[in-house]
Amino acid sequence: MDNLIAVDRLEARGHPNIRATHKSTLEITRDQTLTLRGDCIIAVAATKAAADLHPQLKQAIRSGERVTLLFIAEEPGLVETVTGRGHSALTLEDSKSIVVRRSSYVDSRTIAVNADKAAWNIDRKLVAYLKQPDATLKVYIVVHRGEFSLDFIRELHM
């Protein structure tokens, strides 16, 4: 686990209005509801926003290392990863949401930039599952060096 720098976890749930069609961002919000305009949102009712992340994780994100979000929907057995980079300009101060961007744009919600995926790229099976209001999603935010490995998470559960 030498490549693992920091990790935090949150949970969120689905909503019938989840579309996940935005081509440059992906968002998880603490809001309980969602309009059809929120096309970058993949989950609602999150237990954490950027401001709530563990201080060690925030420091690691600001170091510019790789940041991988691991999405786990246990009931249907779906797993998805999105990997970007941290950046020293990230404030991680937003109390409402977490955003990952394909671009290098930074604001208080952004936790990773230059990501390999946006909402549009999320597996459509996972998106269909997240359209169910009772859907639950576990999200691990992992800062690491080198390639991401599911072993990071397996080792945390042992």
N, C-alpha and C. Protein backbone atom coordinates (compact mmCIF):
# COMPACT_ATOMS: atom_id res chain seq x y z
N MET A 1 0.81 -1.18 0.00
CA MET A 1 0.00 0.00 0.00
C MET A 1 0.86 1.26 0.00
N ASP A 2 2.09 1.15 -0.47
CA ASP A 2 3.00 2.28 -0.48
C ASP A 2 2.50 3.42 -1.36
N ASN A 3 1.68 3.10 -2.36
CA ASN A 3 1.20 4.13 -3.28
C ASN A 3 -0.01 4.88 -2.75
N LEU A 4 -0.65 4.35 -1.72
CA LEU A 4 -1.83 5.00 -1.14
C LEU A 4 -1.39 6.14 -0.23
N ILE A 5 -1.93 7.32 -0.47
CA ILE A 5 -1.57 8.50 0.33
C ILE A 5 -2.66 8.83 1.34
N ALA A 6 -3.91 8.89 0.89
CA ALA A 6 -5.02 9.23 1.79
C ALA A 6 -6.33 8.74 1.17
N VAL A 7 -7.32 8.50 2.03
CA VAL A 7 -8.62 8.04 1.56
C VAL A 7 -9.71 8.58 2.48
N ASP A 8 -10.87 8.83 1.90
CA ASP A 8 -12.06 9.20 2.66
C ASP A 8 -13.24 8.53 1.98
N ARG A 9 -14.36 8.45 2.69
CA ARG A 9 -15.51 7.73 2.18
C ARG A 9 -16.77 8.54 2.46
N LEU A 10 -17.72 8.43 1.54
CA LEU A 10 -19.03 9.04 1.74
C LEU A 10 -20.08 8.15 1.11
N GLU A 11 -21.32 8.44 1.41
CA GLU A 11 -22.43 7.72 0.80
C GLU A 11 -23.40 8.73 0.21
N ALA A 12 -24.12 8.27 -0.80
CA ALA A 12 -25.13 9.11 -1.45
C ALA A 12 -26.23 8.20 -1.96
N ARG A 13 -27.27 8.79 -2.51
CA ARG A 13 -28.37 7.97 -3.01
C ARG A 13 -28.82 8.46 -4.39
N GLY A 14 -29.67 7.65 -4.97
CA GLY A 14 -30.17 7.96 -6.30
C GLY A 14 -31.36 8.90 -6.28
N HIS A 15 -31.79 9.29 -7.49
CA HIS A 15 -32.93 10.18 -7.66
C HIS A 15 -33.48 9.96 -9.08
N PRO A 16 -34.80 9.99 -9.26
CA PRO A 16 -35.37 9.76 -10.59
C PRO A 16 -34.89 10.72 -11.67
N ASN A 17 -34.45 11.93 -11.30
CA ASN A 17 -34.02 12.91 -12.30
C ASN A 17 -32.53 12.82 -12.66
N ILE A 18 -31.84 11.82 -12.18
CA ILE A 18 -30.42 11.69 -12.54
C ILE A 18 -30.33 11.34 -14.02
N ARG A 19 -29.56 12.14 -14.75
CA ARG A 19 -29.36 11.93 -16.18
C ARG A 19 -27.91 11.61 -16.51
N ALA A 20 -26.98 12.24 -15.81
CA ALA A 20 -25.54 12.01 -16.02
C ALA A 20 -25.16 12.14 -17.48
N THR A 21 -25.46 13.30 -18.06
CA THR A 21 -25.16 13.52 -19.48
C THR A 21 -24.14 14.63 -19.72
N HIS A 22 -23.67 15.27 -18.67
CA HIS A 22 -22.71 16.37 -18.84
C HIS A 22 -21.38 15.81 -19.33
N LYS A 23 -20.79 16.49 -20.30
CA LYS A 23 -19.58 15.96 -20.94
C LYS A 23 -18.27 16.44 -20.33
N SER A 24 -18.33 17.36 -19.36
CA SER A 24 -17.06 17.83 -18.79
C SER A 24 -16.98 17.79 -17.27
N THR A 25 -18.11 17.56 -16.58
CA THR A 25 -18.06 17.49 -15.12
C THR A 25 -18.90 16.33 -14.59
N LEU A 26 -18.64 16.03 -13.34
CA LEU A 26 -19.39 15.02 -12.60
C LEU A 26 -19.57 15.58 -11.19
N GLU A 27 -20.77 15.47 -10.65
CA GLU A 27 -21.05 16.07 -9.34
C GLU A 27 -21.83 15.12 -8.45
N ILE A 28 -21.53 15.18 -7.16
CA ILE A 28 -22.30 14.53 -6.12
C ILE A 28 -22.71 15.65 -5.17
N THR A 29 -24.01 15.71 -4.84
CA THR A 29 -24.51 16.84 -4.04
C THR A 29 -25.14 16.38 -2.73
N ARG A 30 -25.11 17.26 -1.76
CA ARG A 30 -25.80 17.02 -0.49
C ARG A 30 -27.29 17.31 -0.62
N ASP A 31 -27.69 18.02 -1.68
CA ASP A 31 -29.11 18.32 -1.89
C ASP A 31 -29.91 17.02 -1.91
N GLN A 32 -31.13 17.11 -1.41
CA GLN A 32 -32.01 15.94 -1.38
C GLN A 32 -32.77 15.77 -2.70
N THR A 33 -32.94 16.86 -3.44
CA THR A 33 -33.71 16.82 -4.67
C THR A 33 -32.84 17.25 -5.85
N LEU A 34 -33.37 17.03 -7.04
CA LEU A 34 -32.62 17.30 -8.26
C LEU A 34 -33.60 17.64 -9.38
N THR A 35 -33.31 18.71 -10.12
CA THR A 35 -34.10 19.02 -11.30
C THR A 35 -33.42 18.42 -12.52
N LEU A 36 -34.10 18.40 -13.63
CA LEU A 36 -33.52 17.85 -14.86
C LEU A 36 -32.36 18.69 -15.37
N ARG A 37 -32.23 19.93 -14.90
CA ARG A 37 -31.12 20.78 -15.33
C ARG A 37 -29.78 20.30 -14.76
N GLY A 38 -29.81 19.54 -13.68
CA GLY A 38 -28.57 19.06 -13.04
C GLY A 38 -28.00 17.85 -13.74
N ASP A 39 -27.61 18.03 -15.00
CA ASP A 39 -27.20 16.89 -15.82
C ASP A 39 -25.80 16.35 -15.50
N CYS A 40 -25.06 17.02 -14.63
CA CYS A 40 -23.74 16.51 -14.23
C CYS A 40 -23.83 15.71 -12.93
N ILE A 41 -24.96 15.77 -12.25
CA ILE A 41 -25.12 15.12 -10.94
C ILE A 41 -25.40 13.64 -11.12
N ILE A 42 -24.62 12.82 -10.38
CA ILE A 42 -24.83 11.38 -10.45
C ILE A 42 -25.41 10.81 -9.15
N ALA A 43 -25.45 11.60 -8.07
CA ALA A 43 -26.04 11.13 -6.82
C ALA A 43 -26.39 12.33 -5.94
N VAL A 44 -27.40 12.15 -5.08
CA VAL A 44 -27.87 13.21 -4.19
C VAL A 44 -27.76 12.73 -2.73
N ALA A 45 -28.12 13.61 -1.81
CA ALA A 45 -28.16 13.29 -0.38
C ALA A 45 -26.82 12.74 0.11
N ALA A 46 -25.74 13.31 -0.39
CA ALA A 46 -24.40 12.86 0.01
C ALA A 46 -24.15 13.16 1.48
N THR A 47 -23.39 12.30 2.11
CA THR A 47 -23.06 12.49 3.53
C THR A 47 -21.92 13.48 3.72
N LYS A 48 -21.23 13.84 2.63
CA LYS A 48 -20.14 14.81 2.71
C LYS A 48 -20.10 15.65 1.45
N ALA A 49 -19.57 16.86 1.61
CA ALA A 49 -19.24 17.74 0.48
C ALA A 49 -17.74 18.00 0.57
N ALA A 50 -17.22 18.82 -0.32
CA ALA A 50 -15.78 19.08 -0.34
C ALA A 50 -15.26 19.58 1.01
N ALA A 51 -16.01 20.45 1.66
CA ALA A 51 -15.57 21.01 2.95
C ALA A 51 -15.49 19.96 4.05
N ASP A 52 -16.24 18.88 3.91
CA ASP A 52 -16.32 17.86 4.96
C ASP A 52 -15.26 16.77 4.85
N LEU A 53 -14.48 16.80 3.79
CA LEU A 53 -13.48 15.75 3.60
C LEU A 53 -12.41 15.82 4.69
N HIS A 54 -11.82 14.67 4.98
CA HIS A 54 -10.81 14.57 6.03
C HIS A 54 -9.64 15.51 5.71
N PRO A 55 -9.13 16.23 6.71
CA PRO A 55 -8.02 17.17 6.47
C PRO A 55 -6.80 16.53 5.80
N GLN A 56 -6.49 15.29 6.15
CA GLN A 56 -5.36 14.60 5.53
C GLN A 56 -5.61 14.40 4.03
N LEU A 57 -6.85 14.06 3.67
CA LEU A 57 -7.20 13.88 2.27
C LEU A 57 -7.11 15.22 1.53
N LYS A 58 -7.61 16.28 2.13
CA LYS A 58 -7.53 17.60 1.50
C LYS A 58 -6.09 17.99 1.22
N GLN A 59 -5.23 17.78 2.19
CA GLN A 59 -3.81 18.10 2.01
C GLN A 59 -3.22 17.28 0.87
N ALA A 60 -3.57 16.01 0.81
CA ALA A 60 -3.06 15.14 -0.25
C ALA A 60 -3.59 15.57 -1.62
N ILE A 61 -4.86 15.96 -1.69
CA ILE A 61 -5.43 16.44 -2.96
C ILE A 61 -4.66 17.67 -3.44
N ARG A 62 -4.36 18.57 -2.54
CA ARG A 62 -3.64 19.80 -2.91
C ARG A 62 -2.19 19.54 -3.33
N SER A 63 -1.68 18.34 -3.09
CA SER A 63 -0.30 18.01 -3.46
C SER A 63 -0.15 17.75 -4.96
N GLY A 64 -1.28 17.59 -5.66
CA GLY A 64 -1.22 17.37 -7.10
C GLY A 64 -1.13 15.92 -7.51
N GLU A 65 -1.24 15.00 -6.57
CA GLU A 65 -1.20 13.57 -6.89
C GLU A 65 -2.50 13.15 -7.57
N ARG A 66 -2.53 11.90 -7.98
CA ARG A 66 -3.74 11.34 -8.60
C ARG A 66 -4.86 11.22 -7.57
N VAL A 67 -6.07 11.50 -8.02
CA VAL A 67 -7.26 11.38 -7.19
C VAL A 67 -8.22 10.46 -7.93
N THR A 68 -8.56 9.34 -7.31
CA THR A 68 -9.51 8.42 -7.92
C THR A 68 -10.75 8.34 -7.05
N LEU A 69 -11.90 8.49 -7.69
CA LEU A 69 -13.18 8.26 -7.02
C LEU A 69 -13.64 6.87 -7.42
N LEU A 70 -13.90 6.05 -6.44
CA LEU A 70 -14.39 4.69 -6.65
C LEU A 70 -15.86 4.68 -6.25
N PHE A 71 -16.73 4.39 -7.20
CA PHE A 71 -18.17 4.34 -6.95
C PHE A 71 -18.57 2.87 -6.85
N ILE A 72 -19.23 2.51 -5.76
CA ILE A 72 -19.66 1.13 -5.55
C ILE A 72 -21.15 1.11 -5.27
N ALA A 73 -21.89 0.40 -6.12
CA ALA A 73 -23.31 0.12 -5.90
C ALA A 73 -23.37 -1.37 -5.57
N GLU A 74 -23.39 -1.70 -4.29
CA GLU A 74 -23.23 -3.09 -3.85
C GLU A 74 -24.36 -3.99 -4.31
N GLU A 75 -25.60 -3.53 -4.18
CA GLU A 75 -26.74 -4.40 -4.47
C GLU A 75 -26.72 -4.95 -5.90
N PRO A 76 -26.54 -4.11 -6.91
CA PRO A 76 -26.42 -4.69 -8.26
C PRO A 76 -24.99 -5.11 -8.60
N GLY A 77 -24.03 -4.83 -7.71
CA GLY A 77 -22.65 -5.24 -7.96
C GLY A 77 -21.95 -4.41 -9.03
N LEU A 78 -22.19 -3.11 -9.05
CA LEU A 78 -21.59 -2.23 -10.05
C LEU A 78 -20.46 -1.41 -9.43
N VAL A 79 -19.37 -1.29 -10.17
CA VAL A 79 -18.20 -0.53 -9.72
C VAL A 79 -17.74 0.36 -10.87
N GLU A 80 -17.39 1.59 -10.55
CA GLU A 80 -16.91 2.55 -11.55
C GLU A 80 -15.80 3.37 -10.91
N THR A 81 -14.80 3.73 -11.70
CA THR A 81 -13.75 4.63 -11.21
C THR A 81 -13.63 5.83 -12.13
N VAL A 82 -13.26 6.95 -11.53
CA VAL A 82 -12.95 8.18 -12.26
C VAL A 82 -11.65 8.71 -11.65
N THR A 83 -10.66 8.96 -12.49
CA THR A 83 -9.37 9.42 -11.99
C THR A 83 -9.00 10.77 -12.58
N GLY A 84 -8.58 11.66 -11.71
CA GLY A 84 -8.11 12.98 -12.12
C GLY A 84 -6.87 13.33 -11.32
N ARG A 85 -6.61 14.60 -11.21
CA ARG A 85 -5.44 15.08 -10.46
C ARG A 85 -5.89 16.12 -9.44
N GLY A 86 -5.20 16.13 -8.33
CA GLY A 86 -5.38 17.21 -7.38
C GLY A 86 -4.63 18.43 -7.90
N HIS A 87 -4.74 19.54 -7.17
CA HIS A 87 -4.05 20.77 -7.59
C HIS A 87 -3.91 21.68 -6.37
N SER A 88 -2.82 22.41 -6.32
CA SER A 88 -2.56 23.29 -5.17
C SER A 88 -3.58 24.42 -5.03
N ALA A 89 -4.28 24.77 -6.11
CA ALA A 89 -5.26 25.86 -6.06
C ALA A 89 -6.64 25.41 -5.57
N LEU A 90 -6.83 24.13 -5.32
CA LEU A 90 -8.13 23.64 -4.87
C LEU A 90 -8.37 24.06 -3.42
N THR A 91 -9.49 24.75 -3.18
CA THR A 91 -9.80 25.21 -1.82
C THR A 91 -10.57 24.17 -1.02
N LEU A 92 -11.36 23.35 -1.70
CA LEU A 92 -12.12 22.27 -1.05
C LEU A 92 -12.99 22.82 0.09
N GLU A 93 -13.65 23.94 -0.16
CA GLU A 93 -14.42 24.63 0.87
C GLU A 93 -15.93 24.55 0.71
N ASP A 94 -16.42 24.00 -0.38
CA ASP A 94 -17.86 24.01 -0.62
C ASP A 94 -18.57 23.06 0.34
N SER A 95 -19.67 23.50 0.91
CA SER A 95 -20.41 22.70 1.88
C SER A 95 -21.61 21.98 1.27
N LYS A 96 -21.73 22.05 -0.04
CA LYS A 96 -22.90 21.48 -0.71
C LYS A 96 -22.58 20.32 -1.65
N SER A 97 -21.41 20.34 -2.30
CA SER A 97 -21.17 19.31 -3.31
C SER A 97 -19.69 19.01 -3.51
N ILE A 98 -19.48 17.99 -4.32
CA ILE A 98 -18.15 17.56 -4.77
C ILE A 98 -18.21 17.50 -6.28
N VAL A 99 -17.22 18.10 -6.95
CA VAL A 99 -17.19 18.11 -8.41
C VAL A 99 -15.83 17.62 -8.90
N VAL A 100 -15.88 16.79 -9.94
CA VAL A 100 -14.68 16.34 -10.66
C VAL A 100 -14.81 16.88 -12.07
N ARG A 101 -13.71 17.41 -12.60
CA ARG A 101 -13.76 18.07 -13.91
C ARG A 101 -12.76 17.47 -14.90
N ARG A 102 -13.17 17.38 -16.14
CA ARG A 102 -12.24 16.98 -17.20
C ARG A 102 -11.30 18.13 -17.53
N SER A 103 -11.73 19.35 -17.28
CA SER A 103 -10.92 20.54 -17.56
C SER A 103 -10.01 20.83 -16.36
N SER A 104 -9.30 21.94 -16.44
CA SER A 104 -8.45 22.36 -15.32
C SER A 104 -9.10 23.47 -14.50
N TYR A 105 -10.39 23.73 -14.72
CA TYR A 105 -11.11 24.77 -13.99
C TYR A 105 -11.18 24.41 -12.50
N VAL A 106 -10.96 25.41 -11.65
CA VAL A 106 -10.95 25.20 -10.21
C VAL A 106 -11.97 26.13 -9.55
N ASP A 107 -12.78 25.59 -8.65
CA ASP A 107 -13.61 26.40 -7.76
C ASP A 107 -13.71 25.68 -6.42
N SER A 108 -14.53 26.19 -5.52
CA SER A 108 -14.57 25.64 -4.16
C SER A 108 -15.15 24.23 -4.09
N ARG A 109 -15.86 23.80 -5.14
CA ARG A 109 -16.46 22.46 -5.17
C ARG A 109 -15.54 21.42 -5.78
N THR A 110 -14.55 21.86 -6.54
CA THR A 110 -13.70 20.95 -7.31
C THR A 110 -12.77 20.17 -6.39
N ILE A 111 -12.73 18.83 -6.57
CA ILE A 111 -11.77 18.01 -5.83
C ILE A 111 -10.75 17.35 -6.75
N ALA A 112 -10.99 17.38 -8.06
CA ALA A 112 -10.02 16.83 -9.01
C ALA A 112 -10.24 17.48 -10.37
N VAL A 113 -9.13 17.68 -11.09
CA VAL A 113 -9.16 18.27 -12.43
C VAL A 113 -8.52 17.29 -13.42
N ASN A 114 -8.68 17.60 -14.70
CA ASN A 114 -8.10 16.78 -15.77
C ASN A 114 -8.48 15.31 -15.63
N ALA A 115 -9.74 15.07 -15.29
CA ALA A 115 -10.23 13.71 -15.06
C ALA A 115 -10.40 12.94 -16.36
N ASP A 116 -10.36 11.63 -16.24
CA ASP A 116 -10.52 10.77 -17.41
C ASP A 116 -11.98 10.55 -17.79
N LYS A 117 -12.91 10.95 -16.92
CA LYS A 117 -14.33 10.77 -17.20
C LYS A 117 -15.12 11.94 -16.63
N ALA A 118 -16.30 12.14 -17.21
CA ALA A 118 -17.30 13.06 -16.68
C ALA A 118 -18.59 12.25 -16.51
N ALA A 119 -19.67 12.91 -16.14
CA ALA A 119 -20.94 12.21 -15.92
C ALA A 119 -21.34 11.39 -17.16
N TRP A 120 -21.13 11.96 -18.32
CA TRP A 120 -21.48 11.32 -19.59
C TRP A 120 -20.81 9.95 -19.76
N ASN A 121 -19.63 9.78 -19.21
CA ASN A 121 -18.84 8.56 -19.39
C ASN A 121 -19.16 7.46 -18.38
N ILE A 122 -19.99 7.75 -17.40
CA ILE A 122 -20.31 6.75 -16.38
C ILE A 122 -21.14 5.63 -17.02
N ASP A 123 -20.83 4.40 -16.64
CA ASP A 123 -21.52 3.21 -17.15
C ASP A 123 -23.04 3.42 -17.04
N ARG A 124 -23.73 3.23 -18.15
CA ARG A 124 -25.18 3.48 -18.18
C ARG A 124 -25.94 2.53 -17.26
N LYS A 125 -25.39 1.35 -16.96
CA LYS A 125 -26.05 0.46 -15.99
C LYS A 125 -26.05 1.11 -14.61
N LEU A 126 -24.95 1.75 -14.25
CA LEU A 126 -24.87 2.44 -12.97
C LEU A 126 -25.82 3.65 -12.96
N VAL A 127 -25.87 4.38 -14.05
CA VAL A 127 -26.78 5.53 -14.15
C VAL A 127 -28.23 5.07 -14.01
N ALA A 128 -28.60 3.98 -14.69
CA ALA A 128 -29.97 3.46 -14.59
C ALA A 128 -30.29 3.08 -13.14
N TYR A 129 -29.35 2.46 -12.47
CA TYR A 129 -29.54 2.11 -11.06
C TYR A 129 -29.73 3.37 -10.22
N LEU A 130 -28.93 4.40 -10.48
CA LEU A 130 -28.98 5.63 -9.68
C LEU A 130 -30.23 6.47 -9.96
N LYS A 131 -31.02 6.10 -10.95
CA LYS A 131 -32.30 6.77 -11.19
C LYS A 131 -33.37 6.29 -10.19
N GLN A 132 -33.06 5.24 -9.46
CA GLN A 132 -33.99 4.72 -8.45
C GLN A 132 -33.79 5.51 -7.15
N PRO A 133 -34.87 6.01 -6.55
CA PRO A 133 -34.73 6.82 -5.34
C PRO A 133 -34.15 6.05 -4.15
N ASP A 134 -34.30 4.73 -4.14
CA ASP A 134 -33.76 3.95 -3.02
C ASP A 134 -32.35 3.42 -3.31
N ALA A 135 -31.77 3.80 -4.44
CA ALA A 135 -30.41 3.37 -4.78
C ALA A 135 -29.41 3.99 -3.81
N THR A 136 -28.42 3.20 -3.41
CA THR A 136 -27.37 3.72 -2.54
C THR A 136 -26.02 3.57 -3.23
N LEU A 137 -25.16 4.53 -2.99
CA LEU A 137 -23.85 4.56 -3.62
C LEU A 137 -22.79 4.84 -2.56
N LYS A 138 -21.78 3.99 -2.51
CA LYS A 138 -20.62 4.26 -1.67
C LYS A 138 -19.57 4.89 -2.55
N VAL A 139 -18.93 5.92 -2.05
CA VAL A 139 -17.90 6.64 -2.81
C VAL A 139 -16.64 6.71 -1.97
N TYR A 140 -15.57 6.15 -2.51
CA TYR A 140 -14.25 6.27 -1.88
C TYR A 140 -13.46 7.29 -2.69
N ILE A 141 -12.85 8.24 -2.02
CA ILE A 141 -11.96 9.21 -2.67
C ILE A 141 -10.56 8.84 -2.23
N VAL A 142 -9.74 8.44 -3.20
CA VAL A 142 -8.42 7.90 -2.91
C VAL A 142 -7.36 8.76 -3.58
N VAL A 143 -6.41 9.26 -2.82
CA VAL A 143 -5.26 9.97 -3.38
C VAL A 143 -4.11 8.98 -3.37
N HIS A 144 -3.46 8.84 -4.54
CA HIS A 144 -2.44 7.79 -4.68
C HIS A 144 -1.39 8.18 -5.70
N ARG A 145 -0.29 7.46 -5.64
CA ARG A 145 0.76 7.55 -6.66
C ARG A 145 0.61 6.33 -7.56
N GLY A 146 0.99 6.47 -8.81
CA GLY A 146 0.92 5.32 -9.71
C GLY A 146 -0.51 4.97 -10.07
N GLU A 147 -0.68 3.77 -10.58
CA GLU A 147 -2.00 3.32 -11.03
C GLU A 147 -2.90 2.99 -9.84
N PHE A 148 -4.19 3.20 -10.02
CA PHE A 148 -5.16 2.87 -8.98
C PHE A 148 -5.38 1.36 -8.94
N SER A 149 -5.53 0.84 -7.75
CA SER A 149 -5.78 -0.59 -7.57
C SER A 149 -6.92 -0.77 -6.58
N LEU A 150 -7.83 -1.69 -6.89
CA LEU A 150 -8.90 -2.00 -5.94
C LEU A 150 -8.34 -2.59 -4.66
N ASP A 151 -7.09 -3.04 -4.69
CA ASP A 151 -6.45 -3.56 -3.48
C ASP A 151 -6.39 -2.48 -2.40
N PHE A 152 -6.33 -1.21 -2.79
CA PHE A 152 -6.33 -0.13 -1.81
C PHE A 152 -7.54 -0.27 -0.89
N ILE A 153 -8.69 -0.48 -1.49
CA ILE A 153 -9.94 -0.55 -0.73
C ILE A 153 -10.04 -1.89 0.00
N ARG A 154 -9.67 -2.97 -0.66
CA ARG A 154 -9.70 -4.28 0.00
C ARG A 154 -8.87 -4.26 1.28
N GLU A 155 -7.70 -3.65 1.23
CA GLU A 155 -6.83 -3.61 2.40
C GLU A 155 -7.42 -2.76 3.51
N LEU A 156 -8.19 -1.75 3.17
CA LEU A 156 -8.82 -0.92 4.20
C LEU A 156 -9.89 -1.69 4.97
N HIS A 157 -10.49 -2.70 4.33
CA HIS A 157 -11.57 -3.46 4.97
C HIS A 157 -11.05 -4.62 5.80
N MET A 158 -9.76 -4.88 5.76
CA MET A 158 -9.21 -6.02 6.51
C MET A 158 -8.84 -5.63 7.91
